[in-house]
């Protein structure tokens, strides 16, 4: 770093971050959430309150951290082309890690499926297959699945429509159409909320529980974590909507919205795989 009249000048295009306690605080908060969630599942006393405190800490840390990042790009002009390339790479790697996260659920689902069809639901029942020549059924007997062309199909249409409104909003921001940007993001947020409401209604009418069998556990974990991602994505888009209203998103500076759009399209694609494999093919 060269020094000139008491000021430090960068000899590179990258943004050097100031020391901050937010990364370690966020990690600690997530650890609290993970531990308290496990304790809550085992009915440990006061684990529910500990879980709420953990979520509150995560929200506070994320709010402070993202607010600082927004300020760096908006007021400090720190997000030049080199920094933006790095941020885009980071977001792409994050989404790749999310893909592997959901891959684990699909792997678990298909593993349970093949065990049920070929080797039995609770063990390797070769005798049943060899003597009768018939494979066991999937989903397991006693499971009343959802009609894929009822509420699940409606939720599919809702998410696909939200993907088009997000794309519309991105087109508007690139063409400096602030009114269209605000409208597109507003519709996207409403559709995200509607999806969550429909999924909550679906869960309330499920004929099976999380611990009923392998099918039910895979169903609730896969669709439930997707629903959690929809909530996160909706909040992401809501923050962008507020920023759009304030005029903070421009054709030259809208990296946060770009990442929100990437994340939302990822959520859309995961749902299509869930609809085909769990709701339709797995019926």
Protein backbone atom coordinates (compact mmCIF):
# COMPACT_ATOMS: atom_id res chain seq x y z
CA UNK A 1 0.00 0.00 0.00
CA UNK A 2 1.47 3.33 -1.06
CA UNK A 3 1.10 6.27 1.26
CA UNK A 4 0.52 9.83 0.04
CA UNK A 5 -0.03 12.79 2.38
CA UNK A 6 -1.20 10.57 5.20
CA UNK A 7 -3.75 8.67 3.05
CA UNK A 8 -3.59 5.05 1.96
CA UNK A 9 -4.16 4.34 -1.73
CA UNK A 10 -4.93 0.91 -3.11
CA UNK A 11 -2.67 -0.61 -5.70
CA UNK A 12 -5.33 -3.16 -6.66
CA UNK A 13 -9.04 -3.05 -7.62
CA UNK A 14 -10.31 -5.18 -4.74
CA UNK A 15 -12.25 -4.09 -1.67
CA UNK A 16 -10.42 -4.74 1.60
CA UNK A 17 -12.99 -5.32 4.33
CA UNK A 18 -12.72 -3.75 7.75
CA UNK A 19 -12.44 -6.07 10.73
CA UNK A 20 -15.92 -7.03 11.90
CA UNK A 21 -17.35 -9.33 14.59
CA UNK A 22 -20.41 -10.11 12.43
CA UNK A 23 -19.07 -13.29 10.73
CA UNK A 24 -18.18 -15.02 13.99
CA UNK A 25 -21.37 -13.77 15.65
CA UNK A 26 -23.44 -15.13 12.77
CA UNK A 27 -21.67 -18.49 13.02
CA UNK A 28 -22.30 -18.60 16.76
CA UNK A 29 -25.97 -17.73 16.24
CA UNK A 30 -26.38 -20.51 13.68
CA UNK A 31 -24.74 -22.92 16.12
CA UNK A 32 -27.29 -21.92 18.76
CA UNK A 33 -30.10 -22.56 16.26
CA UNK A 34 -28.73 -25.99 15.32
CA UNK A 35 -28.21 -27.15 18.92
CA UNK A 36 -31.55 -25.81 20.14
CA UNK A 37 -33.38 -27.38 17.17
CA UNK A 38 -31.97 -30.82 18.05
CA UNK A 39 -32.88 -30.33 21.71
CA UNK A 40 -36.36 -29.17 20.71
CA UNK A 41 -36.89 -32.35 18.65
CA UNK A 42 -36.00 -34.37 21.76
CA UNK A 43 -38.51 -32.41 23.89
CA UNK A 44 -35.86 -30.84 26.10
CA UNK A 45 -37.28 -28.25 28.47
CA UNK A 46 -36.91 -24.59 27.31
CA UNK A 47 -35.37 -25.69 23.99
CA UNK A 48 -38.15 -23.86 22.14
CA UNK A 49 -37.23 -20.57 23.79
CA UNK A 50 -33.57 -21.18 23.04
CA UNK A 51 -34.51 -21.78 19.39
CA UNK A 52 -36.39 -18.48 19.21
CA UNK A 53 -33.42 -16.65 20.73
CA UNK A 54 -31.11 -18.28 18.18
CA UNK A 55 -33.29 -17.21 15.26
CA UNK A 56 -33.47 -13.67 16.66
CA UNK A 57 -29.68 -13.55 16.87
CA UNK A 58 -29.35 -14.80 13.28
CA UNK A 59 -31.81 -12.17 12.02
CA UNK A 60 -30.00 -9.40 13.90
CA UNK A 61 -26.57 -10.46 12.59
CA UNK A 62 -27.77 -10.90 9.01
CA UNK A 63 -29.56 -7.54 9.07
CA UNK A 64 -26.44 -5.76 10.32
CA UNK A 65 -24.15 -7.58 7.91
CA UNK A 66 -26.26 -7.08 4.78
CA UNK A 67 -26.93 -3.46 5.67
CA UNK A 68 -23.19 -2.89 5.76
CA UNK A 69 -22.72 -4.62 2.39
CA UNK A 70 -25.47 -2.47 0.84
CA UNK A 71 -23.80 0.65 2.19
CA UNK A 72 -20.45 -0.43 0.72
CA UNK A 73 -21.96 -0.72 -2.74
CA UNK A 74 -24.29 2.27 -2.57
CA UNK A 75 -22.41 4.94 -0.63
CA UNK A 76 -18.77 3.85 -0.59
CA UNK A 77 -18.66 2.80 -4.28
CA UNK A 78 -16.60 -0.21 -3.22
CA UNK A 79 -18.28 -2.68 -5.58
CA UNK A 80 -16.30 -2.08 -8.75
CA UNK A 81 -16.17 -4.62 -11.58
CA UNK A 82 -13.50 -6.78 -9.91
CA UNK A 83 -15.39 -6.90 -6.62
CA UNK A 84 -18.65 -7.68 -8.42
CA UNK A 85 -17.02 -10.62 -10.17
CA UNK A 86 -15.93 -11.98 -6.82
CA UNK A 87 -19.37 -11.48 -5.29
CA UNK A 88 -21.04 -13.20 -8.24
CA UNK A 89 -18.66 -16.13 -7.90
CA UNK A 90 -19.43 -16.34 -4.20
CA UNK A 91 -23.18 -16.36 -4.84
CA UNK A 92 -22.78 -19.00 -7.55
CA UNK A 93 -20.82 -21.23 -5.16
CA UNK A 94 -23.45 -20.69 -2.46
CA UNK A 95 -26.23 -21.80 -4.83
CA UNK A 96 -24.09 -24.79 -5.85
CA UNK A 97 -23.87 -25.77 -2.18
CA UNK A 98 -27.66 -25.44 -1.95
CA UNK A 99 -28.01 -27.75 -4.94
CA UNK A 100 -25.97 -30.38 -3.09
CA UNK A 101 -28.09 -29.80 0.01
CA UNK A 102 -31.26 -30.73 -1.89
CA UNK A 103 -29.44 -33.52 -3.72
CA UNK A 104 -29.11 -35.21 -0.33
CA UNK A 105 -32.89 -35.19 0.11
CA UNK A 106 -33.49 -36.60 -3.37
CA UNK A 107 -30.84 -39.27 -2.73
CA UNK A 108 -32.57 -40.21 0.52
CA UNK A 109 -35.97 -40.34 -1.21
CA UNK A 110 -34.81 -42.57 -4.06
CA UNK A 111 -32.84 -44.78 -1.69
CA UNK A 112 -35.99 -45.35 0.36
CA UNK A 113 -37.93 -45.96 -2.84
CA UNK A 114 -35.57 -48.64 -4.15
CA UNK A 115 -35.35 -50.30 -0.75
CA UNK A 116 -39.13 -50.44 -0.57
CA UNK A 117 -39.57 -51.74 -4.10
CA UNK A 118 -36.76 -54.30 -4.22
CA UNK A 119 -35.66 -55.13 -0.70
CA UNK A 120 -38.60 -54.37 1.55
CA UNK A 121 -39.53 -51.34 3.61
CA UNK A 122 -37.80 -52.24 6.87
CA UNK A 123 -35.16 -54.68 5.73
CA UNK A 124 -33.82 -56.72 2.87
CA UNK A 125 -36.87 -58.92 2.32
CA UNK A 126 -35.55 -61.16 -0.47
CA UNK A 127 -37.96 -63.97 0.47
CA UNK A 128 -41.04 -61.93 -0.41
CA UNK A 129 -39.58 -60.98 -3.78
CA UNK A 130 -38.35 -64.45 -4.63
CA UNK A 131 -41.47 -66.39 -3.57
CA UNK A 132 -44.16 -64.07 -4.94
CA UNK A 133 -42.28 -62.34 -7.73
CA UNK A 134 -43.92 -59.11 -6.66
CA UNK A 135 -42.20 -55.97 -5.52
CA UNK A 136 -43.50 -54.03 -2.54
CA UNK A 137 -45.43 -50.83 -3.14
CA UNK A 138 -44.32 -47.21 -2.93
CA UNK A 139 -45.52 -45.13 -1.19
CA UNK A 140 -45.91 -47.60 1.66
CA UNK A 141 -49.33 -49.04 2.36
CA UNK A 142 -51.50 -46.81 4.52
CA UNK A 143 -50.09 -43.57 3.11
CA UNK A 144 -52.70 -41.37 1.48
CA UNK A 145 -50.72 -39.06 -0.81
CA UNK A 146 -51.77 -35.64 -2.08
CA UNK A 147 -53.39 -35.30 -5.48
CA UNK A 148 -50.57 -33.73 -7.55
CA UNK A 149 -53.05 -31.89 -9.78
CA UNK A 150 -54.77 -30.18 -6.86
CA UNK A 151 -52.91 -27.84 -4.48
CA UNK A 152 -49.39 -28.95 -5.51
CA UNK A 153 -50.13 -28.03 -9.12
CA UNK A 154 -51.53 -24.66 -8.01
CA UNK A 155 -48.33 -24.01 -6.05
CA UNK A 156 -46.32 -24.94 -9.15
CA UNK A 157 -48.20 -22.35 -11.19
CA UNK A 158 -47.68 -19.77 -8.43
CA UNK A 159 -43.91 -20.31 -8.37
CA UNK A 160 -43.61 -20.33 -12.16
CA UNK A 161 -45.59 -17.08 -12.31
CA UNK A 162 -43.35 -15.56 -9.63
CA UNK A 163 -40.35 -16.47 -11.76
CA UNK A 164 -41.80 -14.48 -14.66
CA UNK A 165 -42.48 -11.44 -12.44
CA UNK A 166 -38.90 -11.55 -11.12
CA UNK A 167 -37.63 -11.67 -14.71
CA UNK A 168 -39.92 -8.77 -15.58
CA UNK A 169 -38.54 -6.78 -12.65
CA UNK A 170 -34.98 -7.50 -13.79
CA UNK A 171 -35.82 -6.31 -17.31
CA UNK A 172 -37.26 -3.12 -15.81
CA UNK A 173 -34.21 -2.36 -13.69
CA UNK A 174 -31.92 -2.85 -16.70
CA UNK A 175 -34.05 -0.35 -18.64
CA UNK A 176 -34.32 2.12 -15.73
CA UNK A 177 -38.08 1.54 -15.40
CA UNK A 178 -38.52 2.15 -11.69
CA UNK A 179 -42.32 1.80 -11.71
CA UNK A 180 -42.18 -1.56 -13.47
CA UNK A 181 -39.39 -2.69 -11.12
CA UNK A 182 -41.46 -1.89 -8.04
CA UNK A 183 -44.53 -3.60 -9.49
CA UNK A 184 -42.64 -6.72 -10.57
CA UNK A 185 -40.96 -7.13 -7.20
CA UNK A 186 -44.22 -6.44 -5.38
CA UNK A 187 -46.04 -9.17 -7.32
CA UNK A 188 -43.14 -11.56 -6.72
CA UNK A 189 -43.30 -11.01 -2.96
CA UNK A 190 -47.08 -11.53 -2.92
CA UNK A 191 -46.76 -14.76 -4.90
CA UNK A 192 -44.06 -15.99 -2.52
CA UNK A 193 -46.32 -15.32 0.47
CA UNK A 194 -49.23 -17.05 -1.31
CA UNK A 195 -47.08 -20.13 -1.95
CA UNK A 196 -46.18 -20.34 1.74
CA UNK A 197 -49.83 -20.02 2.78
CA UNK A 198 -50.85 -22.79 0.38
CA UNK A 199 -48.10 -25.07 1.63
CA UNK A 200 -49.07 -24.44 5.26
CA UNK A 201 -52.68 -25.32 4.34
CA UNK A 202 -51.46 -28.48 2.63
CA UNK A 203 -49.43 -29.54 5.66
CA UNK A 204 -52.43 -28.99 7.95
CA UNK A 205 -54.43 -31.50 5.87
CA UNK A 206 -51.73 -34.16 5.54
CA UNK A 207 -52.90 -37.69 6.35
CA UNK A 208 -49.46 -38.66 7.68
CA UNK A 209 -46.86 -37.24 10.02
CA UNK A 210 -43.12 -36.67 9.92
CA UNK A 211 -42.31 -39.88 11.79
CA UNK A 212 -44.87 -42.17 10.10
CA UNK A 213 -42.37 -43.89 7.78
CA UNK A 214 -39.56 -43.22 5.29
CA UNK A 215 -41.90 -41.69 2.73
CA UNK A 216 -43.40 -39.18 5.15
CA UNK A 217 -40.01 -38.23 6.59
CA UNK A 218 -38.58 -37.59 3.12
CA UNK A 219 -41.72 -35.74 2.05
CA UNK A 220 -41.74 -33.28 4.93
CA UNK A 221 -37.97 -32.74 4.99
CA UNK A 222 -37.66 -32.12 1.25
CA UNK A 223 -40.77 -29.98 0.80
CA UNK A 224 -40.36 -28.35 4.21
CA UNK A 225 -36.80 -27.19 3.59
CA UNK A 226 -37.88 -25.97 0.17
CA UNK A 227 -40.65 -24.00 1.85
CA UNK A 228 -38.06 -22.53 4.22
CA UNK A 229 -36.02 -21.46 1.20
CA UNK A 230 -39.13 -19.86 -0.29
CA UNK A 231 -39.56 -17.82 2.90
CA UNK A 232 -35.90 -16.73 2.76
CA UNK A 233 -36.23 -15.85 -0.92
CA UNK A 234 -39.42 -13.89 -0.25
CA UNK A 235 -37.63 -11.85 2.42
CA UNK A 236 -34.74 -11.35 -0.01
CA UNK A 237 -37.13 -10.01 -2.65
CA UNK A 238 -38.96 -7.89 -0.07
CA UNK A 239 -35.72 -6.14 0.87
CA UNK A 240 -35.09 -5.49 -2.82
CA UNK A 241 -38.64 -4.16 -3.16
CA UNK A 242 -38.03 -1.67 -0.33
CA UNK A 243 -34.76 -0.62 -1.95
CA UNK A 244 -36.52 -0.20 -5.30
CA UNK A 245 -39.11 2.07 -3.72
CA UNK A 246 -36.28 4.17 -2.28
CA UNK A 247 -34.62 4.36 -5.69
CA UNK A 248 -31.51 2.45 -4.63
CA UNK A 249 -31.60 -0.04 -7.54
CA UNK A 250 -30.22 1.30 -10.81
CA UNK A 251 -29.03 -0.28 -14.07
CA UNK A 252 -25.44 0.15 -12.84
CA UNK A 253 -26.00 -0.86 -9.21
CA UNK A 254 -28.47 -3.69 -8.56
CA UNK A 255 -26.22 -6.56 -7.52
CA UNK A 256 -28.39 -7.45 -4.52
CA UNK A 257 -31.47 -7.82 -6.71
CA UNK A 258 -29.50 -9.88 -9.23
CA UNK A 259 -28.57 -12.33 -6.49
CA UNK A 260 -32.17 -12.43 -5.25
CA UNK A 261 -33.29 -13.31 -8.80
CA UNK A 262 -30.69 -16.09 -9.04
CA UNK A 263 -31.82 -17.50 -5.71
CA UNK A 264 -35.50 -17.33 -6.66
CA UNK A 265 -34.99 -19.12 -9.97
CA UNK A 266 -33.04 -21.80 -8.09
CA UNK A 267 -36.02 -22.23 -5.75
CA UNK A 268 -38.32 -22.54 -8.78
CA UNK A 269 -36.22 -25.28 -10.36
CA UNK A 270 -35.98 -27.28 -7.13
CA UNK A 271 -39.76 -27.17 -6.80
CA UNK A 272 -40.21 -28.54 -10.32
CA UNK A 273 -38.04 -31.54 -9.38
CA UNK A 274 -40.01 -31.97 -6.13
CA UNK A 275 -43.33 -31.82 -7.94
CA UNK A 276 -42.31 -34.38 -10.55
CA UNK A 277 -40.57 -36.86 -8.23
CA UNK A 278 -42.52 -36.66 -4.96
CA UNK A 279 -45.99 -35.44 -5.88
CA UNK A 280 -46.54 -36.87 -9.37
CA UNK A 281 -44.15 -39.80 -9.92
CA UNK A 282 -44.23 -40.85 -6.26
CA UNK A 283 -48.02 -40.93 -6.04
